[in-house]
């Protein structure tokens, strides 16, 4: 087998692996939902969004814009009893709904 044939085969295998791999957002979503919640974590009344800003992350109401600031996304998720349900790559917002217990 020549070098050109080897490279074509390697490229095809790499493309097939990329097609079958799950998006990174789903893996991060599972990781965020698996975080152990703080004992004093609160449950929101309605869905909330986690939005990057001011060098950290805001857990905020999508309607009013009122929110709380945290250093990291993981820290923000830890303080709220929510399940992450989606990600908007354009605005980099993670949506979350109150966790049922």
C-alpha atoms as a PDB file:
ATOM      1  CA  UNK A   1       0.000   0.000   0.000  1.00  0.00           C
ATOM      2  CA  UNK A   2       1.309   3.397  -0.952  1.00  0.00           C
ATOM      3  CA  UNK A   3       1.416   6.494   1.181  1.00  0.00           C
ATOM      4  CA  UNK A   4      -1.420   8.151  -0.755  1.00  0.00           C
ATOM      5  CA  UNK A   5      -3.718   5.128  -0.252  1.00  0.00           C
ATOM      6  CA  UNK A   6      -2.844   5.021   3.456  1.00  0.00           C
ATOM      7  CA  UNK A   7      -3.680   8.739   3.835  1.00  0.00           C
ATOM      8  CA  UNK A   8      -7.020   8.305   2.005  1.00  0.00           C
ATOM      9  CA  UNK A   9      -7.928   5.405   4.292  1.00  0.00           C
ATOM     10  CA  UNK A  10      -6.921   7.357   7.391  1.00  0.00           C
ATOM     11  CA  UNK A  11      -9.009  10.336   6.269  1.00  0.00           C
ATOM     12  CA  UNK A  12     -12.083   8.142   5.703  1.00  0.00           C
ATOM     13  CA  UNK A  13     -11.735   6.533   9.137  1.00  0.00           C
ATOM     14  CA  UNK A  14     -11.330   9.963  10.799  1.00  0.00           C
ATOM     15  CA  UNK A  15     -14.428  11.315   8.996  1.00  0.00           C
ATOM     16  CA  UNK A  16     -16.474   8.277  10.039  1.00  0.00           C
ATOM     17  CA  UNK A  17     -15.423   8.687  13.679  1.00  0.00           C
ATOM     18  CA  UNK A  18     -16.342  12.401  13.574  1.00  0.00           C
ATOM     19  CA  UNK A  19     -19.804  11.585  12.146  1.00  0.00           C
ATOM     20  CA  UNK A  20     -20.544   9.023  14.860  1.00  0.00           C
ATOM     21  CA  UNK A  21     -19.280  11.100  17.801  1.00  0.00           C
ATOM     22  CA  UNK A  22     -21.812  12.923  19.951  1.00  0.00           C
ATOM     23  CA  UNK A  23     -21.622  16.698  20.109  1.00  0.00           C
ATOM     24  CA  UNK A  24     -19.544  18.078  22.979  1.00  0.00           C
ATOM     25  CA  UNK A  25     -22.576  20.003  24.262  1.00  0.00           C
ATOM     26  CA  UNK A  26     -24.378  16.755  25.136  1.00  0.00           C
ATOM     27  CA  UNK A  27     -21.381  15.461  27.066  1.00  0.00           C
ATOM     28  CA  UNK A  28     -21.115  18.721  29.030  1.00  0.00           C
ATOM     29  CA  UNK A  29     -24.876  18.668  29.662  1.00  0.00           C
ATOM     30  CA  UNK A  30     -24.604  15.193  31.214  1.00  0.00           C
ATOM     31  CA  UNK A  31     -21.641  16.334  33.318  1.00  0.00           C
ATOM     32  CA  UNK A  32     -23.533  19.400  34.588  1.00  0.00           C
ATOM     33  CA  UNK A  33     -26.621  17.359  35.457  1.00  0.00           C
ATOM     34  CA  UNK A  34     -24.454  14.903  37.409  1.00  0.00           C
ATOM     35  CA  UNK A  35     -22.989  17.617  39.676  1.00  0.00           C
ATOM     36  CA  UNK A  36     -23.778  17.109  43.352  1.00  0.00           C
ATOM     37  CA  UNK A  37     -26.061  19.970  44.410  1.00  0.00           C
ATOM     38  CA  UNK A  38     -25.249  22.042  47.479  1.00  0.00           C
ATOM     39  CA  UNK A  39     -27.405  21.189  50.529  1.00  0.00           C
ATOM     40  CA  UNK A  40     -28.745  24.766  50.533  1.00  0.00           C
ATOM     41  CA  UNK A  41     -29.435  24.831  46.770  1.00  0.00           C
ATOM     42  CA  UNK A  42     -32.714  26.478  45.815  1.00  0.00           C
ATOM     43  CA  UNK A  43     -35.267  25.426  43.221  1.00  0.00           C
ATOM     44  CA  UNK A  44     -36.406  28.174  40.827  1.00  0.00           C
ATOM     45  CA  UNK A  45     -40.111  28.779  40.219  1.00  0.00           C
ATOM     46  CA  UNK A  46     -39.751  28.530  36.436  1.00  0.00           C
ATOM     47  CA  UNK A  47     -37.102  27.678  33.813  1.00  0.00           C
ATOM     48  CA  UNK A  48     -33.868  29.689  34.067  1.00  0.00           C
ATOM     49  CA  UNK A  49     -30.871  30.276  31.819  1.00  0.00           C
ATOM     50  CA  UNK A  50     -27.154  30.309  32.575  1.00  0.00           C
ATOM     51  CA  UNK A  51     -25.506  33.116  30.613  1.00  0.00           C
ATOM     52  CA  UNK A  52     -21.812  34.086  30.475  1.00  0.00           C
ATOM     53  CA  UNK A  53     -21.010  37.623  31.586  1.00  0.00           C
ATOM     54  CA  UNK A  54     -18.733  39.789  33.761  1.00  0.00           C
ATOM     55  CA  UNK A  55     -16.023  37.125  33.806  1.00  0.00           C
ATOM     56  CA  UNK A  56     -18.362  34.447  35.149  1.00  0.00           C
ATOM     57  CA  UNK A  57     -21.871  33.056  34.717  1.00  0.00           C
ATOM     58  CA  UNK A  58     -25.306  34.457  35.497  1.00  0.00           C
ATOM     59  CA  UNK A  59     -28.199  32.257  36.592  1.00  0.00           C
ATOM     60  CA  UNK A  60     -31.048  34.428  35.441  1.00  0.00           C
ATOM     61  CA  UNK A  61     -34.747  34.559  34.688  1.00  0.00           C
ATOM     62  CA  UNK A  62     -35.227  34.634  30.896  1.00  0.00           C
ATOM     63  CA  UNK A  63     -38.244  36.934  31.238  1.00  0.00           C
ATOM     64  CA  UNK A  64     -37.078  39.617  33.673  1.00  0.00           C
ATOM     65  CA  UNK A  65     -33.312  39.278  33.339  1.00  0.00           C
ATOM     66  CA  UNK A  66     -32.868  39.238  37.134  1.00  0.00           C
ATOM     67  CA  UNK A  67     -30.098  36.886  38.174  1.00  0.00           C
ATOM     68  CA  UNK A  68     -27.237  35.824  40.394  1.00  0.00           C
ATOM     69  CA  UNK A  69     -23.546  35.820  39.405  1.00  0.00           C
ATOM     70  CA  UNK A  70     -21.159  32.857  39.899  1.00  0.00           C
ATOM     71  CA  UNK A  71     -17.483  32.361  39.055  1.00  0.00           C
ATOM     72  CA  UNK A  72     -18.018  29.221  36.949  1.00  0.00           C
ATOM     73  CA  UNK A  73     -20.867  27.446  35.235  1.00  0.00           C
ATOM     74  CA  UNK A  74     -20.352  24.394  37.441  1.00  0.00           C
ATOM     75  CA  UNK A  75     -20.625  26.537  40.582  1.00  0.00           C
ATOM     76  CA  UNK A  76     -23.827  28.137  39.290  1.00  0.00           C
ATOM     77  CA  UNK A  77     -25.405  24.741  38.557  1.00  0.00           C
ATOM     78  CA  UNK A  78     -24.336  23.452  41.987  1.00  0.00           C
ATOM     79  CA  UNK A  79     -26.396  26.149  43.752  1.00  0.00           C
ATOM     80  CA  UNK A  80     -29.640  25.498  41.828  1.00  0.00           C
ATOM     81  CA  UNK A  81     -31.883  22.423  41.840  1.00  0.00           C
ATOM     82  CA  UNK A  82     -32.238  22.296  38.060  1.00  0.00           C
ATOM     83  CA  UNK A  83     -31.770  19.949  35.144  1.00  0.00           C
ATOM     84  CA  UNK A  84     -29.914  21.358  32.144  1.00  0.00           C
ATOM     85  CA  UNK A  85     -32.083  20.791  29.075  1.00  0.00           C
ATOM     86  CA  UNK A  86     -30.481  22.707  26.226  1.00  0.00           C
ATOM     87  CA  UNK A  87     -27.719  24.869  24.826  1.00  0.00           C
ATOM     88  CA  UNK A  88     -27.846  27.754  22.361  1.00  0.00           C
ATOM     89  CA  UNK A  89     -24.439  28.030  20.671  1.00  0.00           C
ATOM     90  CA  UNK A  90     -25.244  31.462  19.210  1.00  0.00           C
ATOM     91  CA  UNK A  91     -25.838  33.131  22.609  1.00  0.00           C
ATOM     92  CA  UNK A  92     -23.909  30.521  24.669  1.00  0.00           C
ATOM     93  CA  UNK A  93     -26.913  30.143  26.991  1.00  0.00           C
ATOM     94  CA  UNK A  94     -27.673  26.942  28.864  1.00  0.00           C
ATOM     95  CA  UNK A  95     -31.371  26.439  29.605  1.00  0.00           C
ATOM     96  CA  UNK A  96     -32.516  24.667  32.748  1.00  0.00           C
ATOM     97  CA  UNK A  97     -35.815  23.588  34.300  1.00  0.00           C
ATOM     98  CA  UNK A  98     -36.575  23.019  37.988  1.00  0.00           C
ATOM     99  CA  UNK A  99     -35.572  19.535  39.090  1.00  0.00           C
ATOM    100  CA  UNK A 100     -38.422  17.282  40.171  1.00  0.00           C
ATOM    101  CA  UNK A 101     -37.784  15.577  43.488  1.00  0.00           C
END
